PDB file of N, CA and C in Angstrom:
ATOM      1  N   MET A   1     -93.646  17.172 -52.695  1.00  0.00           N
ATOM      2  CA  MET A   1     -93.371  15.751 -52.778  1.00  0.00           C
ATOM      3  C   MET A   1     -94.470  14.937 -52.096  1.00  0.00           C
ATOM      4  N   ALA A   2     -94.939  15.432 -50.952  1.00  0.00           N
ATOM      5  CA  ALA A   2     -95.984  14.704 -50.230  1.00  0.00           C
ATOM      6  C   ALA A   2     -97.218  14.491 -51.102  1.00  0.00           C
ATOM      7  N   GLN A   3     -97.614  15.513 -51.833  1.00  0.00           N
ATOM      8  CA  GLN A   3     -98.781  15.386 -52.710  1.00  0.00           C
ATOM      9  C   GLN A   3     -98.509  14.412 -53.849  1.00  0.00           C
ATOM     10  N   ALA A   4     -97.306  14.436 -54.366  1.00  0.00           N
ATOM     11  CA  ALA A   4     -96.958  13.574 -55.502  1.00  0.00           C
ATOM     12  C   ALA A   4     -97.070  12.092 -55.153  1.00  0.00           C
ATOM     13  N   VAL A   5     -96.794  11.735 -53.906  1.00  0.00           N
ATOM     14  CA  VAL A   5     -96.853  10.328 -53.500  1.00  0.00           C
ATOM     15  C   VAL A   5     -98.086  10.018 -52.652  1.00  0.00           C
ATOM     16  N   GLY A   6     -98.994  10.977 -52.543  1.00  0.00           N
ATOM     17  CA  GLY A   6    -100.252  10.749 -51.836  1.00  0.00           C
ATOM     18  C   GLY A   6    -100.106  10.578 -50.340  1.00  0.00           C
ATOM     19  N   TYR A   7     -99.111  11.222 -49.732  1.00  0.00           N
ATOM     20  CA  TYR A   7     -98.884  11.071 -48.296  1.00  0.00           C
ATOM     21  C   TYR A   7    -100.084  11.534 -47.485  1.00  0.00           C
ATOM     22  N   ARG A   8    -100.437  10.745 -46.505  1.00  0.00           N
ATOM     23  CA  ARG A   8    -101.451  11.085 -45.510  1.00  0.00           C
ATOM     24  C   ARG A   8    -100.842  10.806 -44.151  1.00  0.00           C
ATOM     25  N   SER A   9    -101.030  11.707 -43.197  1.00  0.00           N
ATOM     26  CA  SER A   9    -100.441  11.518 -41.869  1.00  0.00           C
ATOM     27  C   SER A   9    -101.167  10.447 -41.070  1.00  0.00           C
ATOM     28  N   ASN A  10    -102.345  10.046 -41.548  1.00  0.00           N
ATOM     29  CA  ASN A  10    -103.078   8.953 -40.924  1.00  0.00           C
ATOM     30  C   ASN A  10    -103.575   8.041 -42.044  1.00  0.00           C
ATOM     31  N   ALA A  11    -103.118   6.814 -42.043  1.00  0.00           N
ATOM     32  CA  ALA A  11    -103.440   5.876 -43.121  1.00  0.00           C
ATOM     33  C   ALA A  11    -104.939   5.636 -43.262  1.00  0.00           C
ATOM     34  N   VAL A  12    -105.709   5.904 -42.220  1.00  0.00           N
ATOM     35  CA  VAL A  12    -107.161   5.753 -42.282  1.00  0.00           C
ATOM     36  C   VAL A  12    -107.754   6.664 -43.354  1.00  0.00           C
ATOM     37  N   ASN A  13    -107.062   7.775 -43.667  1.00  0.00           N
ATOM     38  CA  ASN A  13    -107.567   8.759 -44.613  1.00  0.00           C
ATOM     39  C   ASN A  13    -107.124   8.540 -46.058  1.00  0.00           C
ATOM     40  N   VAL A  14    -106.512   7.407 -46.353  1.00  0.00           N
ATOM     41  CA  VAL A  14    -106.057   7.125 -47.720  1.00  0.00           C
ATOM     42  C   VAL A  14    -107.268   6.878 -48.615  1.00  0.00           C
ATOM     43  N   ASP A  15    -107.285   7.506 -49.775  1.00  0.00           N
ATOM     44  CA  ASP A  15    -108.339   7.300 -50.764  1.00  0.00           C
ATOM     45  C   ASP A  15    -108.065   5.977 -51.480  1.00  0.00           C
ATOM     46  N   LYS A  16    -108.795   4.948 -51.094  1.00  0.00           N
ATOM     47  CA  LYS A  16    -108.551   3.604 -51.631  1.00  0.00           C
ATOM     48  C   LYS A  16    -108.880   3.499 -53.117  1.00  0.00           C
ATOM     49  N   ALA A  17    -109.745   4.360 -53.623  1.00  0.00           N
ATOM     50  CA  ALA A  17    -110.053   4.362 -55.053  1.00  0.00           C
ATOM     51  C   ALA A  17    -108.880   4.945 -55.842  1.00  0.00           C
ATOM     52  N   LYS A  18    -108.253   5.965 -55.300  1.00  0.00           N
ATOM     53  CA  LYS A  18    -107.128   6.611 -55.970  1.00  0.00           C
ATOM     54  C   LYS A  18    -105.836   5.813 -55.808  1.00  0.00           C
ATOM     55  N   TYR A  19    -105.700   5.103 -54.678  1.00  0.00           N
ATOM     56  CA  TYR A  19    -104.496   4.309 -54.381  1.00  0.00           C
ATOM     57  C   TYR A  19    -104.887   2.859 -54.107  1.00  0.00           C
ATOM     58  N   PRO A  20    -105.237   2.102 -55.150  1.00  0.00           N
ATOM     59  CA  PRO A  20    -105.688   0.718 -54.961  1.00  0.00           C
ATOM     60  C   PRO A  20    -104.618  -0.198 -54.372  1.00  0.00           C
ATOM     61  N   LYS A  21    -103.356   0.217 -54.409  1.00  0.00           N
ATOM     62  CA  LYS A  21    -102.266  -0.563 -53.831  1.00  0.00           C
ATOM     63  C   LYS A  21    -102.358  -0.588 -52.291  1.00  0.00           C
ATOM     64  N   PHE A  22    -103.036   0.390 -51.718  1.00  0.00           N
ATOM     65  CA  PHE A  22    -103.158   0.479 -50.259  1.00  0.00           C
ATOM     66  C   PHE A  22    -103.963  -0.686 -49.707  1.00  0.00           C
ATOM     67  N   SER A  23    -103.479  -1.242 -48.591  1.00  0.00           N
ATOM     68  CA  SER A  23    -104.202  -2.273 -47.859  1.00  0.00           C
ATOM     69  C   SER A  23    -104.287  -1.868 -46.401  1.00  0.00           C
ATOM     70  N   THR A  24    -105.391  -2.183 -45.769  1.00  0.00           N
ATOM     71  CA  THR A  24    -105.550  -1.907 -44.352  1.00  0.00           C
ATOM     72  C   THR A  24    -104.390  -2.523 -43.584  1.00  0.00           C
ATOM     73  N   GLY A  25    -103.840  -1.778 -42.660  1.00  0.00           N
ATOM     74  CA  GLY A  25    -102.707  -2.246 -41.865  1.00  0.00           C
ATOM     75  C   GLY A  25    -101.375  -1.688 -42.334  1.00  0.00           C
ATOM     76  N   GLN A  26    -101.326  -1.178 -43.563  1.00  0.00           N
ATOM     77  CA  GLN A  26    -100.098  -0.551 -44.048  1.00  0.00           C
ATOM     78  C   GLN A  26     -99.979   0.831 -43.418  1.00  0.00           C
ATOM     79  N   ASN A  27     -98.783   1.169 -42.948  1.00  0.00           N
ATOM     80  CA  ASN A  27     -98.514   2.515 -42.449  1.00  0.00           C
ATOM     81  C   ASN A  27     -97.009   2.735 -42.436  1.00  0.00           C
ATOM     82  N   CYS A  28     -96.620   3.964 -42.253  1.00  0.00           N
ATOM     83  CA  CYS A  28     -95.190   4.297 -42.272  1.00  0.00           C
ATOM     84  C   CYS A  28     -94.413   3.484 -41.229  1.00  0.00           C
ATOM     85  N   GLY A  29     -95.016   3.238 -40.086  1.00  0.00           N
ATOM     86  CA  GLY A  29     -94.342   2.509 -39.017  1.00  0.00           C
ATOM     87  C   GLY A  29     -93.918   1.110 -39.396  1.00  0.00           C
ATOM     88  N   ASN A  30     -94.589   0.492 -40.384  1.00  0.00           N
ATOM     89  CA  ASN A  30     -94.190  -0.855 -40.807  1.00  0.00           C
ATOM     90  C   ASN A  30     -93.691  -0.874 -42.253  1.00  0.00           C
ATOM     91  N   CYS A  31     -93.230   0.293 -42.720  1.00  0.00           N
ATOM     92  CA  CYS A  31     -92.650   0.422 -44.058  1.00  0.00           C
ATOM     93  C   CYS A  31     -91.130   0.269 -43.980  1.00  0.00           C
ATOM     94  N   ALA A  32     -90.548  -0.363 -44.978  1.00  0.00           N
ATOM     95  CA  ALA A  32     -89.098  -0.565 -45.030  1.00  0.00           C
ATOM     96  C   ALA A  32     -88.329   0.753 -45.107  1.00  0.00           C
ATOM     97  N   LEU A  33     -88.966   1.817 -45.580  1.00  0.00           N
ATOM     98  CA  LEU A  33     -88.295   3.117 -45.708  1.00  0.00           C
ATOM     99  C   LEU A  33     -88.290   3.923 -44.414  1.00  0.00           C
ATOM    100  N   TYR A  34     -89.155   3.582 -43.481  1.00  0.00           N
ATOM    101  CA  TYR A  34     -89.295   4.337 -42.234  1.00  0.00           C
ATOM    102  C   TYR A  34     -88.046   4.204 -41.379  1.00  0.00           C
ATOM    103  N   GLN A  35     -87.530   5.333 -40.904  1.00  0.00           N
ATOM    104  CA  GLN A  35     -86.283   5.345 -40.137  1.00  0.00           C
ATOM    105  C   GLN A  35     -86.485   5.625 -38.654  1.00  0.00           C
ATOM    106  N   GLY A  36     -87.729   5.711 -38.207  1.00  0.00           N
ATOM    107  CA  GLY A  36     -88.004   5.933 -36.787  1.00  0.00           C
ATOM    108  C   GLY A  36     -87.823   4.664 -35.981  1.00  0.00           C
ATOM    109  N   GLN A  37     -87.711   4.833 -34.694  1.00  0.00           N
ATOM    110  CA  GLN A  37     -87.587   3.687 -33.796  1.00  0.00           C
ATOM    111  C   GLN A  37     -88.927   2.968 -33.684  1.00  0.00           C
ATOM    112  N   LEU A  38     -88.903   1.682 -33.418  1.00  0.00           N
ATOM    113  CA  LEU A  38     -90.111   0.902 -33.219  1.00  0.00           C
ATOM    114  C   LEU A  38     -90.949   1.550 -32.120  1.00  0.00           C
ATOM    115  N   GLY A  39     -92.197   1.810 -32.395  1.00  0.00           N
ATOM    116  CA  GLY A  39     -93.089   2.418 -31.420  1.00  0.00           C
ATOM    117  C   GLY A  39     -93.039   3.935 -31.366  1.00  0.00           C
ATOM    118  N   SER A  40     -92.195   4.561 -32.184  1.00  0.00           N
ATOM    119  CA  SER A  40     -92.097   6.026 -32.174  1.00  0.00           C
ATOM    120  C   SER A  40     -93.308   6.649 -32.868  1.00  0.00           C
ATOM    121  N   VAL A  41     -93.596   7.898 -32.530  1.00  0.00           N
ATOM    122  CA  VAL A  41     -94.713   8.628 -33.115  1.00  0.00           C
ATOM    123  C   VAL A  41     -94.375   9.084 -34.524  1.00  0.00           C
ATOM    124  N   SER A  42     -93.099   9.413 -34.755  1.00  0.00           N
ATOM    125  CA  SER A  42     -92.660   9.858 -36.076  1.00  0.00           C
ATOM    126  C   SER A  42     -91.194   9.506 -36.276  1.00  0.00           C
ATOM    127  N   GLY A  43     -90.764   9.609 -37.525  1.00  0.00           N
ATOM    128  CA  GLY A  43     -89.378   9.312 -37.850  1.00  0.00           C
ATOM    129  C   GLY A  43     -89.053   9.768 -39.253  1.00  0.00           C
ATOM    130  N   GLY A  44     -87.812   9.659 -39.608  1.00  0.00           N
ATOM    131  CA  GLY A  44     -87.362  10.081 -40.925  1.00  0.00           C
ATOM    132  C   GLY A  44     -87.773   9.117 -42.021  1.00  0.00           C
ATOM    133  N   CYS A  45     -87.724   9.634 -43.248  1.00  0.00           N
ATOM    134  CA  CYS A  45     -88.019   8.828 -44.423  1.00  0.00           C
ATOM    135  C   CYS A  45     -87.213   9.398 -45.582  1.00  0.00           C
ATOM    136  N   PRO A  46     -86.483   8.561 -46.320  1.00  0.00           N
ATOM    137  CA  PRO A  46     -85.678   9.067 -47.430  1.00  0.00           C
ATOM    138  C   PRO A  46     -86.509   9.694 -48.562  1.00  0.00           C
ATOM    139  N   ILE A  47     -87.769   9.373 -48.641  1.00  0.00           N
ATOM    140  CA  ILE A  47     -88.642   9.988 -49.643  1.00  0.00           C
ATOM    141  C   ILE A  47     -88.810  11.483 -49.346  1.00  0.00           C
ATOM    142  N   PHE A  48     -88.807  11.823 -48.072  1.00  0.00           N
ATOM    143  CA  PHE A  48     -88.986  13.207 -47.616  1.00  0.00           C
ATOM    144  C   PHE A  48     -87.719  13.658 -46.904  1.00  0.00           C
ATOM    145  N   ALA A  49     -86.648  13.793 -47.635  1.00  0.00           N
ATOM    146  CA  ALA A  49     -85.329  14.127 -47.071  1.00  0.00           C
ATOM    147  C   ALA A  49     -85.404  15.282 -46.080  1.00  0.00           C
ATOM    148  N   GLY A  50     -84.882  15.036 -44.881  1.00  0.00           N
ATOM    149  CA  GLY A  50     -84.832  16.065 -43.853  1.00  0.00           C
ATOM    150  C   GLY A  50     -86.138  16.284 -43.116  1.00  0.00           C
ATOM    151  N   LYS A  51     -87.164  15.517 -43.431  1.00  0.00           N
ATOM    152  CA  LYS A  51     -88.473  15.668 -42.794  1.00  0.00           C
ATOM    153  C   LYS A  51     -88.842  14.390 -42.058  1.00  0.00           C
ATOM    154  N   SER A  52     -89.734  14.537 -41.103  1.00  0.00           N
ATOM    155  CA  SER A  52     -90.274  13.380 -40.391  1.00  0.00           C
ATOM    156  C   SER A  52     -91.661  13.072 -40.923  1.00  0.00           C
ATOM    157  N   VAL A  53     -92.031  11.816 -40.848  1.00  0.00           N
ATOM    158  CA  VAL A  53     -93.375  11.384 -41.206  1.00  0.00           C
ATOM    159  C   VAL A  53     -93.998  10.721 -39.980  1.00  0.00           C
ATOM    160  N   ALA A  54     -95.306  10.746 -39.907  1.00  0.00           N
ATOM    161  CA  ALA A  54     -96.015  10.097 -38.807  1.00  0.00           C
ATOM    162  C   ALA A  54     -95.946   8.585 -38.985  1.00  0.00           C
ATOM    163  N   SER A  55     -95.744   7.877 -37.893  1.00  0.00           N
ATOM    164  CA  SER A  55     -95.704   6.410 -37.989  1.00  0.00           C
ATOM    165  C   SER A  55     -97.054   5.858 -38.432  1.00  0.00           C
ATOM    166  N   THR A  56     -98.125   6.612 -38.216  1.00  0.00           N
ATOM    167  CA  THR A  56     -99.467   6.197 -38.626  1.00  0.00           C
ATOM    168  C   THR A  56     -99.782   6.600 -40.059  1.00  0.00           C
ATOM    169  N   GLY A  57     -98.836   7.269 -40.730  1.00  0.00           N
ATOM    170  CA  GLY A  57     -99.050   7.772 -42.088  1.00  0.00           C
ATOM    171  C   GLY A  57     -98.912   6.704 -43.149  1.00  0.00           C
ATOM    172  N   TRP A  58     -99.052   7.122 -44.404  1.00  0.00           N
ATOM    173  CA  TRP A  58     -98.916   6.221 -45.550  1.00  0.00           C
ATOM    174  C   TRP A  58     -98.662   7.051 -46.793  1.00  0.00           C
ATOM    175  N   CYS A  59     -97.904   6.507 -47.757  1.00  0.00           N
ATOM    176  CA  CYS A  59     -97.771   7.107 -49.080  1.00  0.00           C
ATOM    177  C   CYS A  59     -97.607   5.985 -50.097  1.00  0.00           C
ATOM    178  N   SER A  60     -97.691   6.336 -51.365  1.00  0.00           N
ATOM    179  CA  SER A  60     -97.661   5.322 -52.420  1.00  0.00           C
ATOM    180  C   SER A  60     -96.291   4.663 -52.596  1.00  0.00           C
ATOM    181  N   ALA A  61     -95.269   5.169 -51.898  1.00  0.00           N
ATOM    182  CA  ALA A  61     -93.947   4.533 -51.944  1.00  0.00           C
ATOM    183  C   ALA A  61     -93.829   3.422 -50.898  1.00  0.00           C
ATOM    184  N   TYR A  62     -94.909   3.117 -50.208  1.00  0.00           N
ATOM    185  CA  TYR A  62     -94.911   2.095 -49.148  1.00  0.00           C
ATOM    186  C   TYR A  62     -94.292   0.792 -49.642  1.00  0.00           C
ATOM    187  N   ALA A  63     -93.393   0.254 -48.835  1.00  0.00           N
ATOM    188  CA  ALA A  63     -92.758  -1.036 -49.113  1.00  0.00           C
ATOM    189  C   ALA A  63     -92.749  -1.832 -47.811  1.00  0.00           C
ATOM    190  N   LYS A  64     -93.400  -2.967 -47.800  1.00  0.00           N
ATOM    191  CA  LYS A  64     -93.500  -3.772 -46.586  1.00  0.00           C
ATOM    192  C   LYS A  64     -92.113  -4.103 -46.044  1.00  0.00           C
ATOM    193  N   LYS A  65     -91.959  -3.871 -44.747  1.00  0.00           N
ATOM    194  CA  LYS A  65     -90.703  -4.191 -44.074  1.00  0.00           C
ATOM    195  C   LYS A  65     -90.516  -5.700 -44.093  1.00  0.00           C
ATOM    196  N   GLY A  66     -89.344  -6.121 -44.553  1.00  0.00           N
ATOM    197  CA  GLY A  66     -89.078  -7.535 -44.741  1.00  0.00           C
ATOM    198  C   GLY A  66     -88.685  -8.225 -43.527  1.00  0.00           C
TER     199      GLY A  66
END
């Protein structure tokens, strides 16, 4: 699943040519899907059921927290 959505544990490593939707500053920590506590190193994500993602990560399912 991680490969299918282009997950990277550090958003700095996102291939901007392959994922043009990516913008600097986007990361799991500020995604609406992220279930970790504010300031946590990692937390859950419904995209990766039962797994944690890095708060500094990113994937193509990113949705800005409203």
